[in-house]
Amino acid sequence: MAGGGDSLRALLRAANALLQQRRYHAALAVIKGFRNGAVYGAKIRAPHALVMTFLFKSGSFREKLKSIAQATYAHSRNLAYFVFTYKGLLAAQSRLQGKKIPFHSFLAACIGGWLVFGDNNPINSQV
């Protein structure tokens, strides 16, 4: 049993050492941003969809729950895609130009917003 604990500690040390390397910073920021966008989207949209659905929609309880789940999923997915695109474009621009420039954020946000939120649907209209 003690041998298993030692190998787990060694694995955790190796993983932490890998994560602290500067060359993986951009890739990890993109992955972490995707995760955080999805989580934040669900945290924000679920309560809003719950209230709006029960106040303003008609239909069975099952239909209302389905509507809440769809709205939450769509919002969470869109925010995750946006952050993924935004962080990826920021990393690509700073790598191509060798440094970070304030205009990079503006350009990445414009492109990400256009790609992710460009469709005209109820979720994107509210965002």
Protein backbone atom coordinates (compact mmCIF):
# COMPACT_ATOMS: atom_id res chain seq x y z
CA MET A 1 0.00 0.00 0.00
CA ALA A 2 2.83 2.40 0.82
CA GLY A 3 4.38 1.76 -2.59
CA GLY A 4 1.14 2.89 -4.25
CA GLY A 5 1.17 6.15 -2.29
CA ASP A 6 4.77 6.85 -3.26
CA SER A 7 4.04 6.32 -6.94
CA LEU A 8 1.00 8.58 -6.72
CA ARG A 9 3.10 11.32 -5.11
CA ALA A 10 5.74 10.93 -7.80
CA LEU A 11 3.07 11.17 -10.49
CA LEU A 12 1.65 14.33 -8.90
CA ARG A 13 5.12 15.88 -8.66
CA ALA A 14 5.79 15.07 -12.31
CA ALA A 15 2.41 16.51 -13.37
CA ASN A 16 3.02 19.70 -11.35
CA ALA A 17 6.49 20.08 -12.84
CA LEU A 18 5.02 19.69 -16.33
CA LEU A 19 2.28 22.23 -15.64
CA GLN A 20 4.77 24.81 -14.36
CA GLN A 21 6.82 24.81 -17.55
CA ARG A 22 6.45 28.10 -19.40
CA ARG A 23 6.17 26.53 -22.85
CA TYR A 24 2.81 24.93 -21.95
CA HIS A 25 1.32 28.11 -20.49
CA ALA A 26 -0.69 29.11 -23.60
CA ALA A 27 -2.11 25.62 -24.19
CA LEU A 28 -3.09 25.28 -20.54
CA ALA A 29 -4.69 28.75 -20.57
CA VAL A 30 -6.82 27.72 -23.55
CA ILE A 31 -7.92 24.46 -21.89
CA LYS A 32 -8.56 26.11 -18.53
CA GLY A 33 -10.46 28.94 -20.22
CA PHE A 34 -12.67 26.45 -22.06
CA ARG A 35 -13.49 24.70 -18.79
CA ASN A 36 -14.11 27.95 -16.92
CA GLY A 37 -16.32 29.28 -19.72
CA ALA A 38 -18.45 26.15 -19.63
CA VAL A 39 -18.79 26.21 -15.84
CA TYR A 40 -19.53 29.93 -15.66
CA GLY A 41 -22.06 29.65 -18.49
CA ALA A 42 -23.93 26.93 -16.63
CA LYS A 43 -23.82 28.81 -13.31
CA ILE A 44 -25.20 31.96 -14.87
CA ARG A 45 -27.72 30.53 -17.30
CA ALA A 46 -29.37 27.78 -15.23
CA PRO A 47 -30.94 30.07 -12.59
CA HIS A 48 -31.93 32.63 -15.22
CA ALA A 49 -33.52 29.99 -17.45
CA LEU A 50 -35.30 28.45 -14.46
CA VAL A 51 -36.93 31.72 -13.45
CA MET A 52 -37.78 32.86 -16.97
CA THR A 53 -39.18 29.48 -17.99
CA PHE A 54 -41.49 29.12 -15.01
CA LEU A 55 -42.62 32.73 -15.24
CA PHE A 56 -43.22 33.07 -18.96
CA LYS A 57 -43.48 29.68 -20.66
CA SER A 58 -46.41 27.37 -20.83
CA GLY A 59 -46.24 23.63 -21.20
CA SER A 60 -45.70 20.56 -19.11
CA PHE A 61 -43.14 20.32 -16.35
CA ARG A 62 -41.05 18.01 -18.53
CA GLU A 63 -41.07 20.50 -21.44
CA LYS A 64 -40.01 23.29 -19.09
CA LEU A 65 -37.12 21.22 -17.71
CA LYS A 66 -36.04 20.37 -21.25
CA SER A 67 -36.13 24.05 -22.20
CA ILE A 68 -34.04 24.98 -19.15
CA ALA A 69 -31.47 22.27 -19.95
CA GLN A 70 -31.25 23.35 -23.60
CA ALA A 71 -30.78 27.02 -22.74
CA THR A 72 -28.17 26.22 -20.10
CA TYR A 73 -26.27 23.91 -22.45
CA ALA A 74 -26.31 26.41 -25.33
CA HIS A 75 -25.09 29.28 -23.15
CA SER A 76 -22.42 27.18 -21.48
CA ARG A 77 -21.20 25.82 -24.82
CA ASN A 78 -21.08 29.27 -26.41
CA LEU A 79 -19.07 30.77 -23.56
CA ALA A 80 -16.66 27.83 -23.60
CA TYR A 81 -16.19 28.16 -27.38
CA PHE A 82 -15.70 31.91 -27.08
CA VAL A 83 -13.03 31.65 -24.38
CA PHE A 84 -11.31 28.84 -26.29
CA THR A 85 -11.22 30.97 -29.45
CA TYR A 86 -10.22 34.14 -27.60
CA LYS A 87 -7.37 32.56 -25.63
CA GLY A 88 -6.17 30.61 -28.68
CA LEU A 89 -6.06 33.72 -30.85
CA LEU A 90 -4.28 35.69 -28.12
CA ALA A 91 -1.63 32.99 -27.84
CA ALA A 92 -1.23 32.75 -31.63
CA GLN A 93 -0.88 36.52 -32.05
CA SER A 94 1.65 36.92 -29.26
CA ARG A 95 3.65 33.98 -30.59
CA LEU A 96 3.63 35.32 -34.16
CA GLN A 97 4.64 38.85 -33.13
CA GLY A 98 6.90 37.83 -30.27
CA LYS A 99 5.16 40.01 -27.70
CA LYS A 100 1.75 40.93 -26.36
CA ILE A 101 0.12 44.05 -27.77
CA PRO A 102 -3.14 45.51 -26.34
CA PHE A 103 -4.73 45.35 -29.80
CA HIS A 104 -4.45 41.55 -29.67
CA SER A 105 -7.26 41.30 -27.11
CA PHE A 106 -9.53 43.51 -29.18
CA LEU A 107 -8.93 41.52 -32.35
CA ALA A 108 -9.30 38.15 -30.60
CA ALA A 109 -12.55 39.28 -28.94
CA CYS A 110 -13.98 40.58 -32.23
CA ILE A 111 -13.19 37.39 -34.11
CA GLY A 112 -14.31 35.13 -31.25
CA GLY A 113 -17.55 37.07 -30.80
CA TRP A 114 -18.30 36.98 -34.50
CA LEU A 115 -17.61 33.25 -34.79
CA VAL A 116 -19.43 32.15 -31.64
CA PHE A 117 -22.19 34.70 -31.15
CA GLY A 118 -22.77 35.63 -34.80
CA ASP A 119 -25.87 33.47 -35.24
CA ASN A 120 -29.19 35.13 -34.56
CA ASN A 121 -30.82 32.94 -31.91
CA PRO A 122 -32.48 33.67 -28.56
CA ILE A 123 -29.44 32.74 -26.46
CA ASN A 124 -27.03 34.91 -28.46
CA SER A 125 -29.50 37.78 -28.54
CA GLN A 126 -29.62 37.82 -24.74
CA VAL A 127 -25.84 37.63 -24.41
